[in-house]
Each structure stands twice: as structure tokens, then as C-alpha cells.
Amino acid sequence: MTSYNRTRRISEEIKKIIGQMLINGIKDPRITSMISVTDVDVTNDLRYAFVYVSLLGGNEEESLAGLKSAAGYIRREVGKKVKLRYIPEIMFKVDDSIERGMYMDSLIKKVQEHDMENSKEVEEDEE
């Protein structure tokens, strides 16, 4: 259990550092200001850190390419702020959970509207 807590703490610290860097530390023009870090998963051996980012607006592929090209710089800055024997390799992935959540919400609304229409038809038939 201790290993899990340690990787979780490291993940949160890396998330905080990269979030700050996205706000004021990376000057790549491909990286828009509408990028936020949603989660960081660090492997148990601390070799890799999977950074999930939410990209709102702009060109998604271009922004992701900008992040990947800045991964070495980001890793170096994380290494300066987090004291670890081995600094994890930074791997960026797009987090589409917000879009999936919005899609699920629209499906639920459609089902609710369909149910309301059916209940109105049943009431009219009973009259």
C-alpha cells in the first residue's frame, strides 16, 4: 500500500508542476493556453509518467506535437523540483473524458425526452 501512496503523491506533484508550466513556462506557439492537465499516472517503477491533457479549441494534433517536443524540457524542470533518483519519462496523452461525458449527457437527455413523450401519449390514450 505504501508504494501506491508514494506513486500517487509523485503523480500529484508532477501534475501541479506541469500545470504551472503550461500557464507560464512553455513558449511553443503550437501549445495553446486552453490546455489543462487532467491526470498523471506514474508507473510503479517510476520510469514513465503518463500525462493526460484536455485540449479545448485549437488544433489538437498540433498542440499535442508541441507538448511532445517540449517533453524533454518539461522532464528537466520536473527533475529540478521533485527530488527523485530517476525522473520519469513524460508521455502525453489526450484525455477525452470531458467530450465522452458531454456525449453521455446528451444521450441521457434524449432518453428522458423520449420517456416524457411516451408518458404524454399514454395519458392521452387513457382519456
Protein backbone atom coordinates (compact mmCIF):
# COMPACT_ATOMS: atom_id res chain seq x y z
CA MET A 1 0.00 0.00 0.00
CA THR A 2 2.90 2.35 0.69
CA SER A 3 4.14 2.07 -2.90
CA TYR A 4 0.71 3.12 -4.19
CA ASN A 5 0.63 6.15 -1.89
CA ARG A 6 4.11 7.20 -2.98
CA THR A 7 3.34 6.99 -6.71
CA ARG A 8 0.07 8.85 -6.10
CA ARG A 9 1.91 11.69 -4.31
CA ILE A 10 4.51 11.84 -7.08
CA SER A 11 1.74 11.90 -9.69
CA GLU A 12 0.01 14.81 -7.96
CA GLU A 13 3.26 16.75 -7.64
CA ILE A 14 4.09 16.24 -11.33
CA LYS A 15 0.54 17.30 -12.24
CA LYS A 16 0.92 20.52 -10.26
CA ILE A 17 4.33 21.33 -11.77
CA ILE A 18 3.29 20.67 -15.37
CA GLY A 19 0.06 22.63 -14.86
CA GLN A 20 2.09 25.64 -13.73
CA MET A 21 4.47 25.22 -16.66
CA LEU A 22 1.57 25.22 -19.12
CA ILE A 23 0.38 28.50 -17.67
CA ASN A 24 3.66 30.38 -17.75
CA GLY A 25 6.65 28.25 -18.68
CA ILE A 26 6.37 26.85 -22.21
CA LYS A 27 6.79 29.26 -25.10
CA ASP A 28 5.98 26.92 -28.00
CA PRO A 29 3.40 28.69 -30.23
CA ARG A 30 1.71 25.35 -31.00
CA ILE A 31 0.73 24.99 -27.37
CA THR A 32 -2.44 26.99 -26.79
CA SER A 33 -3.47 28.39 -23.44
CA MET A 34 -6.54 26.15 -23.44
CA ILE A 35 -4.62 23.05 -22.31
CA SER A 36 -5.07 21.65 -18.85
CA VAL A 37 -3.60 18.63 -17.13
CA THR A 38 -6.44 16.36 -16.03
CA ASP A 39 -4.43 13.48 -14.55
CA VAL A 40 -0.96 11.99 -14.25
CA ASP A 41 -0.29 8.27 -13.88
CA VAL A 42 3.19 7.27 -12.83
CA THR A 43 4.20 3.64 -13.28
CA ASN A 44 5.21 1.72 -10.15
CA ASP A 45 8.86 1.62 -11.22
CA LEU A 46 8.77 5.43 -11.75
CA ARG A 47 10.06 5.06 -15.33
CA TYR A 48 7.09 6.67 -17.09
CA ALA A 49 4.62 9.41 -16.28
CA PHE A 50 1.53 9.41 -18.47
CA VAL A 51 0.21 12.97 -18.51
CA TYR A 52 -3.42 13.27 -19.60
CA VAL A 53 -4.28 16.66 -21.04
CA SER A 54 -7.55 18.23 -22.07
CA LEU A 55 -7.26 20.32 -25.21
CA LEU A 56 -10.01 22.88 -25.72
CA GLY A 57 -10.05 24.75 -29.00
CA GLY A 58 -7.23 24.98 -31.47
CA ASN A 59 -5.64 22.18 -33.42
CA GLU A 60 -5.45 19.10 -31.20
CA GLU A 61 -2.68 17.32 -33.17
CA GLU A 62 -0.57 20.46 -33.36
CA SER A 63 -0.87 21.15 -29.63
CA LEU A 64 -0.02 17.54 -28.79
CA ALA A 65 3.01 17.71 -31.11
CA GLY A 66 4.14 20.86 -29.29
CA LEU A 67 3.80 19.13 -25.93
CA LYS A 68 5.71 16.09 -27.13
CA SER A 69 8.54 18.26 -28.46
CA ALA A 70 8.73 20.04 -25.09
CA ALA A 71 8.72 16.76 -23.12
CA GLY A 72 12.49 16.85 -22.53
CA TYR A 73 12.34 20.39 -21.18
CA ILE A 74 9.34 19.51 -19.02
CA ARG A 75 11.12 16.43 -17.67
CA ARG A 76 14.19 18.50 -16.79
CA GLU A 77 12.08 21.09 -14.96
CA VAL A 78 10.17 18.36 -13.09
CA GLY A 79 13.56 16.88 -12.10
CA LYS A 80 14.63 20.20 -10.62
CA LYS A 81 11.51 20.44 -8.47
CA VAL A 82 10.90 16.81 -7.49
CA LYS A 83 13.82 15.08 -5.81
CA LEU A 84 13.85 11.55 -7.20
CA ARG A 85 16.66 9.20 -8.11
CA TYR A 86 15.11 8.69 -11.54
CA ILE A 87 12.94 11.28 -13.28
CA PRO A 88 10.08 9.60 -15.18
CA GLU A 89 9.86 9.84 -18.96
CA ILE A 90 6.96 12.20 -19.75
CA MET A 91 4.36 10.75 -22.14
CA PHE A 92 1.44 12.98 -23.18
CA LYS A 93 -1.99 11.56 -23.95
CA VAL A 94 -5.23 13.35 -24.85
CA ASP A 95 -7.93 12.99 -22.23
CA ASP A 96 -11.28 12.90 -23.99
CA SER A 97 -13.32 12.18 -20.87
CA ILE A 98 -14.96 15.62 -21.00
CA GLU A 99 -16.21 15.01 -24.54
CA ARG A 100 -17.35 11.50 -23.60
CA GLY A 101 -19.18 12.92 -20.59
CA MET A 102 -20.93 15.51 -22.74
CA TYR A 103 -21.90 12.79 -25.23
CA MET A 104 -23.29 10.59 -22.43
CA ASP A 105 -25.22 13.58 -21.07
CA SER A 106 -26.79 14.20 -24.48
CA LEU A 107 -27.80 10.52 -24.71
CA ILE A 108 -29.41 10.67 -21.27
CA LYS A 109 -31.33 13.82 -22.24
CA LYS A 110 -32.59 12.13 -25.42
CA VAL A 111 -33.83 9.15 -23.42
CA GLN A 112 -35.54 11.45 -20.91
CA GLU A 113 -37.26 13.39 -23.70
CA HIS A 114 -38.36 10.13 -25.32
CA ASP A 115 -39.77 8.91 -21.99
CA MET A 116 -41.67 12.17 -21.48
CA GLU A 117 -43.20 11.89 -24.96
CA ASN A 118 -44.25 8.30 -24.28
CA SER A 119 -45.81 9.20 -20.93
CA LYS A 120 -47.81 12.03 -22.60
CA GLU A 121 -49.08 9.58 -25.23
CA VAL A 122 -50.14 7.13 -22.53
CA GLU A 123 -52.01 9.89 -20.66
CA GLU A 124 -53.80 10.96 -23.86
CA ASP A 125 -54.80 7.36 -24.60
CA GLU A 126 -56.27 6.94 -21.10
CA GLU A 127 -58.52 9.98 -21.54
